[in-house]
Amino acid sequence: MGIPLIQQIKVGSYILRNRLAGRKRFPLVLMLEPLFRCNLACAGCGKIDYPDEILNRRLSLEECLAAVDECGAPIVSIPGGEPLLHREIGTIVAAIVARKKFIYLCTNALLLEKKLDLFRPSPYLTFSVHLDGLKEEHDKSVCQDGVYDRVVRAIHAAKAKGFRVNVNCTLFNNMQPARVAAFFDHCRELGVDGITVSPGYAYERAPDQQHFLNRRQTKELFRDVFRLGKGKNWEFSQSTLFLDFLAGNQTYRCTPWSNPTRNVFGWQRPCYLLGEGYAKSFTELMETTVWEQYGTGNYEKCADCMVHCGFEGTAVEDTISNPLKALFVNLRGINTTKPMAPEIPLEDQRSADYVFDHNVLDFLQKTKHEPLGKKTKAGAAKASNVA
């Protein structure tokens, strides 16, 4: 597995402590999103469709650390936007490492070589590099030629300096199983420490709405890929049971509270993928969110979701509860031929609420008198010119 042993031990003990304390809902991974601004405009991304008044905002160092402390999750994922555009990102990461939290810094790697000196290698820090396949697939995914080659150079540079590097790969319905398998083979040649893979979530604001996978397509694609990978020992930085779920062998409901999100709006309800509302504190998020309204079978926007930030927590919980089942799948490999597990029925799901514009206008109204600050303005100006 591409998950360090120290991380497995610490996260496992954290889960057991919470279970012994009788807690039914607790976070595993904090999704700390310090900005929405990005230096790419990928067709499948729905995270950057905001006015400049919001794209120019940043979480401060103090706000980031307060979120880490308030949440208490053992793992902190730092997505975006592009986190390396944040002027304080080196200080933020160092302070979280000092708290002995496992950090996955998600980046498109265009600035990684330039910014490597801001960081120090640590077993608590992993660069999670966005790479959606081989050169042709990745450059098409990010809508810009030449990005793949720059990403590969950045990976080599980071590995040469002793950093842990994962590849974060999103799959869409135009991916061919043989090409995906070849890409996973190539990741081994690149020397990365692990692969995080997930089907793309159908963001309602994404420019390209034609290439998102439905659940059946997801399961068939992953079965085809895993069939081609028999005996190759690809290193995934995910639980075996989550990968088994992607192949249609587990019926899981998502646990959005396991991956809470803090961004410039506040604490996002219910998850990283859906911005249906915001809480002022982590406690408010956990105690006042009506979790039963969300998830596959409950909400139309969740119908086809099989993304790790919703289901990895479920799979990890299942691993702790049923270690022999997880061990059996790990030893025997993912079954790609047996009948798929029953699907969650959708007949009773509630219709989608479209609240993006309301959330944006409400936030702008509440913050119209708040200054962005000199550092934020300068960082925003630079962001539009960096690629």
Protein backbone atom coordinates (compact mmCIF):
# COMPACT_ATOMS: atom_id res chain seq x y z
CA MET A 1 0.00 0.00 0.00
CA GLY A 2 1.07 3.58 -0.66
CA ILE A 3 0.07 4.64 2.86
CA PRO A 4 3.03 4.94 5.30
CA LEU A 5 2.92 2.51 8.23
CA ILE A 6 3.17 5.36 10.74
CA GLN A 7 0.05 6.91 9.21
CA GLN A 8 -1.84 3.62 9.28
CA ILE A 9 -1.00 3.15 12.96
CA LYS A 10 -1.86 6.69 14.04
CA VAL A 11 -5.11 6.86 12.08
CA GLY A 12 -6.15 3.40 13.29
CA SER A 13 -5.55 4.35 16.94
CA TYR A 14 -7.43 7.63 16.40
CA ILE A 15 -10.46 5.73 15.09
CA LEU A 16 -10.38 3.25 17.97
CA ARG A 17 -10.20 6.07 20.53
CA ASN A 18 -13.23 7.75 19.03
CA ARG A 19 -15.15 4.49 18.92
CA LEU A 20 -14.33 3.72 22.54
CA ALA A 21 -15.55 7.19 23.42
CA GLY A 22 -18.88 6.34 21.77
CA ARG A 23 -18.66 8.89 18.96
CA LYS A 24 -20.66 7.95 15.87
CA ARG A 25 -19.45 10.84 13.71
CA PHE A 26 -15.91 12.16 13.72
CA PRO A 27 -13.54 13.52 11.07
CA LEU A 28 -10.71 11.58 9.46
CA VAL A 29 -9.48 14.14 6.93
CA LEU A 30 -9.80 17.92 7.08
CA MET A 31 -10.23 19.36 3.59
CA LEU A 32 -8.50 22.70 4.14
CA GLU A 33 -9.15 24.83 1.07
CA PRO A 34 -7.25 28.11 1.60
CA LEU A 35 -8.23 29.66 -1.75
CA PHE A 36 -10.25 29.00 -4.91
CA ARG A 37 -7.89 30.77 -7.34
CA CYS A 38 -6.08 28.47 -9.77
CA ASN A 39 -3.56 28.88 -12.59
CA LEU A 40 -5.41 26.32 -14.74
CA ALA A 41 -9.01 26.22 -15.97
CA CYS A 42 -9.84 22.52 -16.35
CA ALA A 43 -13.06 21.72 -18.18
CA GLY A 44 -14.18 19.22 -15.53
CA CYS A 45 -13.58 21.53 -12.56
CA GLY A 46 -16.39 23.25 -10.71
CA LYS A 47 -14.26 24.88 -8.01
CA ILE A 48 -13.18 28.10 -9.73
CA ASP A 49 -16.45 29.51 -11.04
CA TYR A 50 -16.54 32.46 -8.64
CA PRO A 51 -16.33 36.23 -9.09
CA ASP A 52 -12.97 37.89 -8.48
CA GLU A 53 -14.13 39.19 -5.10
CA ILE A 54 -14.12 35.57 -3.92
CA LEU A 55 -11.23 34.23 -6.02
CA ASN A 56 -9.03 36.96 -4.53
CA ARG A 57 -9.73 35.84 -0.96
CA ARG A 58 -7.42 33.65 1.12
CA LEU A 59 -7.63 31.93 4.47
CA SER A 60 -4.96 33.41 6.69
CA LEU A 61 -2.35 31.37 8.52
CA GLU A 62 -4.31 31.89 11.72
CA GLU A 63 -7.57 30.75 10.14
CA CYS A 64 -5.92 27.63 8.71
CA LEU A 65 -4.39 26.60 12.00
CA ALA A 66 -7.58 27.33 13.91
CA ALA A 67 -9.43 25.00 11.54
CA VAL A 68 -6.82 22.25 12.03
CA ASP A 69 -7.04 22.56 15.81
CA GLU A 70 -10.82 22.85 15.93
CA CYS A 71 -11.41 19.85 13.68
CA GLY A 72 -8.76 17.58 15.19
CA ALA A 73 -8.57 15.19 12.23
CA PRO A 74 -5.26 13.29 11.94
CA ILE A 75 -4.98 14.05 8.19
CA VAL A 76 -5.13 17.42 6.47
CA SER A 77 -5.67 17.58 2.73
CA ILE A 78 -4.92 21.01 1.24
CA PRO A 79 -6.70 21.35 -2.11
CA GLY A 80 -7.87 24.45 -3.95
CA GLY A 81 -7.72 26.18 -6.35
CA GLU A 82 -3.96 25.89 -6.44
CA PRO A 83 -2.53 26.04 -2.89
CA LEU A 84 0.96 27.00 -4.10
CA LEU A 85 -0.48 30.39 -5.10
CA HIS A 86 -1.00 31.16 -1.39
CA ARG A 87 1.78 33.43 -0.16
CA GLU A 88 1.87 31.77 3.28
CA ILE A 89 1.62 28.15 2.14
CA GLY A 90 5.12 27.23 3.32
CA THR A 91 4.43 28.59 6.81
CA ILE A 92 0.99 26.94 6.92
CA VAL A 93 2.43 23.53 6.03
CA ALA A 94 5.31 23.83 8.50
CA ALA A 95 2.93 24.71 11.33
CA ILE A 96 0.64 21.76 10.54
CA VAL A 97 3.61 19.38 10.33
CA ALA A 98 4.69 20.65 13.75
CA ARG A 99 1.30 19.48 15.00
CA LYS A 100 2.15 16.01 13.61
CA LYS A 101 -0.77 15.96 11.19
CA PHE A 102 -0.37 14.07 7.93
CA ILE A 103 -0.59 16.60 5.09
CA TYR A 104 -1.51 15.93 1.48
CA LEU A 105 -0.75 19.13 -0.40
CA CYS A 106 -2.74 18.91 -3.64
CA THR A 107 -1.12 20.73 -6.54
CA ASN A 108 -1.15 20.84 -10.33
CA ALA A 109 2.67 21.10 -9.94
CA LEU A 110 3.14 24.05 -12.31
CA LEU A 111 4.75 26.00 -9.47
CA LEU A 112 6.18 23.06 -7.55
CA GLU A 113 9.80 23.26 -8.69
CA LYS A 114 9.87 26.99 -7.99
CA LYS A 115 8.32 26.55 -4.53
CA LEU A 116 10.14 23.43 -3.28
CA ASP A 117 12.49 25.47 -1.11
CA LEU A 118 9.51 26.59 0.99
CA PHE A 119 9.16 23.04 2.34
CA ARG A 120 11.21 20.42 4.15
CA PRO A 121 10.89 16.65 3.56
CA SER A 122 8.92 14.98 6.33
CA PRO A 123 7.02 11.71 6.83
CA TYR A 124 4.06 13.98 7.58
CA LEU A 125 4.13 15.78 4.21
CA THR A 126 3.11 14.37 0.82
CA PHE A 127 2.74 16.33 -2.39
CA SER A 128 -0.41 15.04 -4.08
CA VAL A 129 0.19 15.91 -7.72
CA HIS A 130 -2.72 16.19 -10.12
CA LEU A 131 -2.07 13.93 -13.11
CA ASP A 132 -5.06 12.59 -15.06
CA GLY A 133 -3.37 9.98 -17.21
CA LEU A 134 -0.61 9.89 -19.78
CA LYS A 135 0.47 12.99 -21.71
CA GLU A 136 -2.40 13.06 -24.20
CA GLU A 137 -5.11 12.48 -21.57
CA HIS A 138 -3.68 14.85 -18.99
CA ASP A 139 -3.07 17.81 -21.28
CA LYS A 140 -6.58 17.39 -22.66
CA SER A 141 -8.02 17.19 -19.14
CA VAL A 142 -6.36 20.44 -18.04
CA CYS A 143 -7.06 22.15 -21.39
CA GLN A 144 -3.45 23.17 -21.93
CA ASP A 145 -0.63 21.58 -23.93
CA GLY A 146 2.73 20.94 -22.29
CA VAL A 147 1.46 20.62 -18.73
CA TYR A 148 2.17 16.89 -18.48
CA ASP A 149 5.88 17.36 -19.21
CA ARG A 150 6.15 20.11 -16.59
CA VAL A 151 4.40 17.94 -14.02
CA VAL A 152 6.75 15.02 -14.64
CA ARG A 153 9.78 17.32 -14.23
CA ALA A 154 8.35 18.62 -10.96
CA ILE A 155 7.78 15.08 -9.67
CA HIS A 156 11.39 14.15 -10.41
CA ALA A 157 12.62 17.35 -8.73
CA ALA A 158 10.56 16.72 -5.59
CA LYS A 159 11.66 13.08 -5.35
CA ALA A 160 15.30 14.09 -5.84
CA LYS A 161 15.00 16.34 -2.77
CA GLY A 162 13.54 13.57 -0.65
CA PHE A 163 9.85 14.47 -0.65
CA ARG A 164 6.99 11.99 -0.66
CA VAL A 165 4.96 12.38 -3.86
CA ASN A 166 1.62 10.86 -4.76
CA VAL A 167 -0.28 11.13 -8.00
CA ASN A 168 -3.91 12.25 -7.77
CA CYS A 169 -5.82 10.91 -10.79
CA THR A 170 -9.42 11.65 -11.76
CA LEU A 171 -11.11 9.41 -14.34
CA PHE A 172 -13.87 10.38 -16.77
CA ASN A 173 -15.98 8.39 -19.22
CA ASN A 174 -13.62 9.00 -22.13
CA MET A 175 -10.80 7.06 -20.46
CA GLN A 176 -9.81 3.74 -22.01
CA PRO A 177 -8.98 0.94 -19.51
CA ALA A 178 -5.75 0.00 -21.32
CA ARG A 179 -4.55 3.62 -21.22
CA VAL A 180 -5.39 3.89 -17.52
CA ALA A 181 -3.49 0.68 -16.82
CA ALA A 182 -0.53 1.98 -18.83
CA PHE A 183 -0.65 5.19 -16.81
CA PHE A 184 -0.57 3.27 -13.52
CA ASP A 185 2.44 1.33 -14.85
CA HIS A 186 4.07 4.65 -15.71
CA CYS A 187 3.47 5.97 -12.17
CA ARG A 188 5.63 3.13 -10.91
CA GLU A 189 8.35 4.20 -13.37
CA LEU A 190 8.07 7.78 -12.08
CA GLY A 191 8.85 6.49 -8.60
CA VAL A 192 5.84 8.05 -6.91
CA ASP A 193 4.89 6.76 -3.50
CA GLY A 194 1.25 6.09 -4.29
CA ILE A 195 -1.75 6.78 -6.47
CA THR A 196 -5.03 8.32 -5.41
CA VAL A 197 -7.71 7.56 -7.97
CA SER A 198 -11.34 8.54 -8.15
CA PRO A 199 -14.13 9.06 -10.68
CA GLY A 200 -14.81 12.70 -11.44
CA TYR A 201 -17.67 14.32 -9.55
CA ALA A 202 -20.29 15.94 -11.79
CA TYR A 203 -19.86 19.54 -10.65
CA GLU A 204 -22.91 21.51 -11.77
CA ARG A 205 -20.68 24.49 -12.67
CA ALA A 206 -18.09 22.54 -14.68
CA PRO A 207 -17.86 23.68 -18.33
CA ASP A 208 -17.72 20.06 -19.59
CA GLN A 209 -20.82 18.11 -18.54
CA GLN A 210 -20.44 15.33 -21.13
CA HIS A 211 -17.70 13.18 -19.62
CA PHE A 212 -18.75 12.45 -16.05
CA LEU A 213 -19.22 8.78 -15.16
CA ASN A 214 -22.44 7.38 -13.75
CA ARG A 215 -22.16 4.68 -11.10
CA ARG A 216 -22.48 1.74 -13.47
CA GLN A 217 -19.86 3.19 -15.81
CA THR A 218 -17.54 3.78 -12.85
CA LYS A 219 -17.77 0.19 -11.67
CA GLU A 220 -17.27 -1.25 -15.15
CA LEU A 221 -14.28 1.01 -15.84
CA PHE A 222 -12.54 0.10 -12.60
CA ARG A 223 -13.22 -3.60 -13.08
CA ASP A 224 -11.65 -3.41 -16.52
CA VAL A 225 -8.63 -1.51 -15.16
CA PHE A 226 -8.10 -3.78 -12.15
CA ARG A 227 -8.41 -6.83 -14.40
CA LEU A 228 -5.53 -5.49 -16.47
CA GLY A 229 -3.56 -4.81 -13.29
CA LYS A 230 -3.61 -8.35 -11.89
CA GLY A 231 -0.18 -9.14 -10.45
CA LYS A 232 1.26 -5.66 -11.08
CA ASN A 233 1.07 -4.49 -7.46
CA TRP A 234 0.17 -0.89 -8.18
CA GLU A 235 0.62 1.23 -5.05
CA PHE A 236 -2.57 3.09 -4.11
CA SER A 237 -2.74 5.56 -1.24
CA GLN A 238 -6.25 4.40 -0.47
CA SER A 239 -7.86 1.59 1.46
CA THR A 240 -8.34 -1.71 -0.32
CA LEU A 241 -12.05 -1.71 0.48
CA PHE A 242 -12.53 1.68 -1.18
CA LEU A 243 -10.96 0.29 -4.36
CA ASP A 244 -13.20 -2.76 -3.98
CA PHE A 245 -16.15 -0.37 -3.74
CA LEU A 246 -15.12 1.35 -6.98
CA ALA A 247 -15.22 -2.07 -8.65
CA GLY A 248 -18.80 -2.61 -7.52
CA ASN A 249 -18.12 -5.14 -4.78
CA GLN A 250 -19.32 -3.11 -1.78
CA THR A 251 -22.57 -1.26 -1.11
CA TYR A 252 -21.48 1.82 0.83
CA ARG A 253 -23.22 4.99 1.90
CA CYS A 254 -21.05 8.07 2.08
CA THR A 255 -19.93 9.60 5.36
CA PRO A 256 -19.45 13.29 4.49
CA TRP A 257 -18.59 14.24 8.08
CA SER A 258 -15.42 12.14 7.79
CA ASN A 259 -13.98 14.72 5.35
CA PRO A 260 -15.22 18.15 6.51
CA THR A 261 -14.25 21.20 4.45
CA ARG A 262 -13.09 24.61 5.63
CA ASN A 263 -12.73 27.34 3.00
CA VAL A 264 -13.16 31.10 2.61
CA PHE A 265 -16.94 30.78 3.04
CA GLY A 266 -16.67 28.88 6.34
CA TRP A 267 -17.34 25.22 7.10
CA GLN A 268 -19.02 23.86 3.98
CA ARG A 269 -22.17 21.74 4.13
CA PRO A 270 -22.25 18.83 3.57
CA CYS A 271 -18.90 18.02 1.92
CA TYR A 272 -16.01 19.17 -0.27
CA LEU A 273 -18.02 18.52 -3.45
CA LEU A 274 -21.29 20.21 -2.49
CA GLY A 275 -21.61 23.77 -1.21
CA GLU A 276 -25.20 23.69 0.07
CA GLY A 277 -24.57 26.07 2.95
CA TYR A 278 -21.96 27.06 5.50
CA ALA A 279 -21.43 26.90 9.25
CA LYS A 280 -19.40 29.32 11.34
CA SER A 281 -17.62 26.59 13.30
CA PHE A 282 -16.76 22.92 13.06
CA THR A 283 -19.02 22.16 16.02
CA GLU A 284 -21.92 23.93 14.32
CA LEU A 285 -21.24 21.97 11.12
CA MET A 286 -21.31 18.63 12.91
CA GLU A 287 -24.27 19.34 15.18
CA THR A 288 -26.64 21.25 12.90
CA THR A 289 -26.13 19.69 9.47
CA VAL A 290 -29.01 17.33 8.59
CA TRP A 291 -26.70 14.60 7.28
CA GLU A 292 -29.61 12.32 6.38
CA GLN A 293 -30.60 14.73 3.58
CA TYR A 294 -27.43 13.93 1.62
CA GLY A 295 -25.79 10.95 -0.03
CA THR A 296 -26.74 8.48 -2.74
CA GLY A 297 -30.41 7.63 -2.46
CA ASN A 298 -31.13 10.76 -0.46
CA TYR A 299 -30.22 13.64 -2.77
CA GLU A 300 -30.22 13.99 -6.55
CA LYS A 301 -26.79 15.66 -6.72
CA CYS A 302 -25.27 12.66 -4.92
CA ALA A 303 -26.80 9.99 -7.17
CA ASP A 304 -23.67 9.11 -9.17
CA CYS A 305 -20.99 10.10 -6.66
CA MET A 306 -18.34 7.51 -5.78
CA VAL A 307 -15.58 9.97 -4.86
CA HIS A 308 -13.01 9.19 -2.18
CA CYS A 309 -13.79 12.28 -0.07
CA GLY A 310 -17.26 10.83 0.53
CA PHE A 311 -16.61 7.09 0.61
CA GLU A 312 -13.00 6.57 1.76
CA GLY A 313 -14.08 7.28 5.33
CA THR A 314 -16.80 4.64 5.02
CA ALA A 315 -14.30 2.12 3.68
CA VAL A 316 -11.82 2.86 6.47
CA GLU A 317 -14.55 2.37 9.08
CA ASP A 318 -15.45 -0.94 7.43
CA THR A 319 -11.79 -1.97 7.47
CA ILE A 320 -11.59 -1.36 11.23
CA SER A 321 -14.89 -3.17 11.83
CA ASN A 322 -14.13 -6.09 9.51
CA PRO A 323 -10.34 -6.53 9.33
CA LEU A 324 -10.58 -10.09 8.04
CA LYS A 325 -12.72 -8.99 5.09
CA ALA A 326 -10.21 -6.26 4.26
CA LEU A 327 -7.31 -8.71 4.61
CA PHE A 328 -9.02 -11.22 2.32
CA VAL A 329 -9.54 -8.60 -0.41
CA ASN A 330 -5.96 -7.40 0.02
CA LEU A 331 -4.53 -10.90 -0.33
CA ARG A 332 -6.82 -12.21 -3.08
CA GLY A 333 -7.08 -9.00 -5.05
CA ILE A 334 -10.17 -7.17 -6.24
CA ASN A 335 -12.76 -9.46 -7.79
CA THR A 336 -13.64 -8.33 -11.30
CA THR A 337 -16.02 -11.12 -12.32
CA LYS A 338 -18.55 -11.79 -9.56
CA PRO A 339 -22.00 -10.13 -9.59
CA MET A 340 -21.88 -6.55 -8.38
CA ALA A 341 -23.18 -5.63 -4.95
CA PRO A 342 -26.74 -4.25 -4.81
CA GLU A 343 -27.08 -0.59 -5.71
CA ILE A 344 -28.78 1.95 -3.46
CA PRO A 345 -32.25 2.76 -4.86
CA LEU A 346 -32.85 6.33 -5.99
CA GLU A 347 -36.66 6.43 -6.03
CA ASP A 348 -36.97 8.40 -2.80
CA GLN A 349 -34.15 10.91 -3.32
CA ARG A 350 -35.07 14.58 -3.02
CA SER A 351 -34.62 16.93 -5.93
CA ALA A 352 -31.52 19.08 -6.32
CA ASP A 353 -31.37 22.56 -4.83
CA TYR A 354 -29.41 25.05 -6.90
CA VAL A 355 -27.99 27.47 -4.35
CA PHE A 356 -24.64 28.56 -5.84
CA ASP A 357 -25.74 32.07 -6.82
CA HIS A 358 -27.53 32.60 -3.50
CA ASN A 359 -24.45 31.52 -1.51
CA VAL A 360 -22.18 33.82 -3.51
CA LEU A 361 -24.47 36.85 -3.22
CA ASP A 362 -25.04 36.23 0.49
CA PHE A 363 -21.30 35.96 1.15
CA LEU A 364 -20.50 39.10 -0.84
CA GLN A 365 -23.18 41.03 1.02
CA LYS A 366 -21.84 39.93 4.41
CA THR A 367 -18.20 40.67 3.53
CA LYS A 368 -18.51 43.75 1.32
CA HIS A 369 -16.87 45.98 3.93
CA GLU A 370 -14.06 43.56 4.79
CA PRO A 371 -10.67 44.51 3.28
CA LEU A 372 -8.78 41.80 1.41
CA GLY A 373 -5.45 43.01 2.78
CA LYS A 374 -2.26 43.93 1.00
CA LYS A 375 -0.87 40.40 0.87
CA THR A 376 -4.05 38.94 -0.55
CA LYS A 377 -4.33 41.59 -3.25
CA ALA A 378 -0.72 41.10 -4.28
CA GLY A 379 -1.12 37.33 -4.36
CA ALA A 380 -4.27 37.60 -6.44
CA ALA A 381 -2.57 39.87 -8.98
CA LYS A 382 0.30 37.42 -9.36
CA ALA A 383 -2.01 34.43 -9.68
CA SER A 384 -3.54 35.55 -12.95
CA ASN A 385 -0.09 35.80 -14.55
CA VAL A 386 1.41 32.51 -13.33
CA ALA A 387 1.13 29.26 -15.26
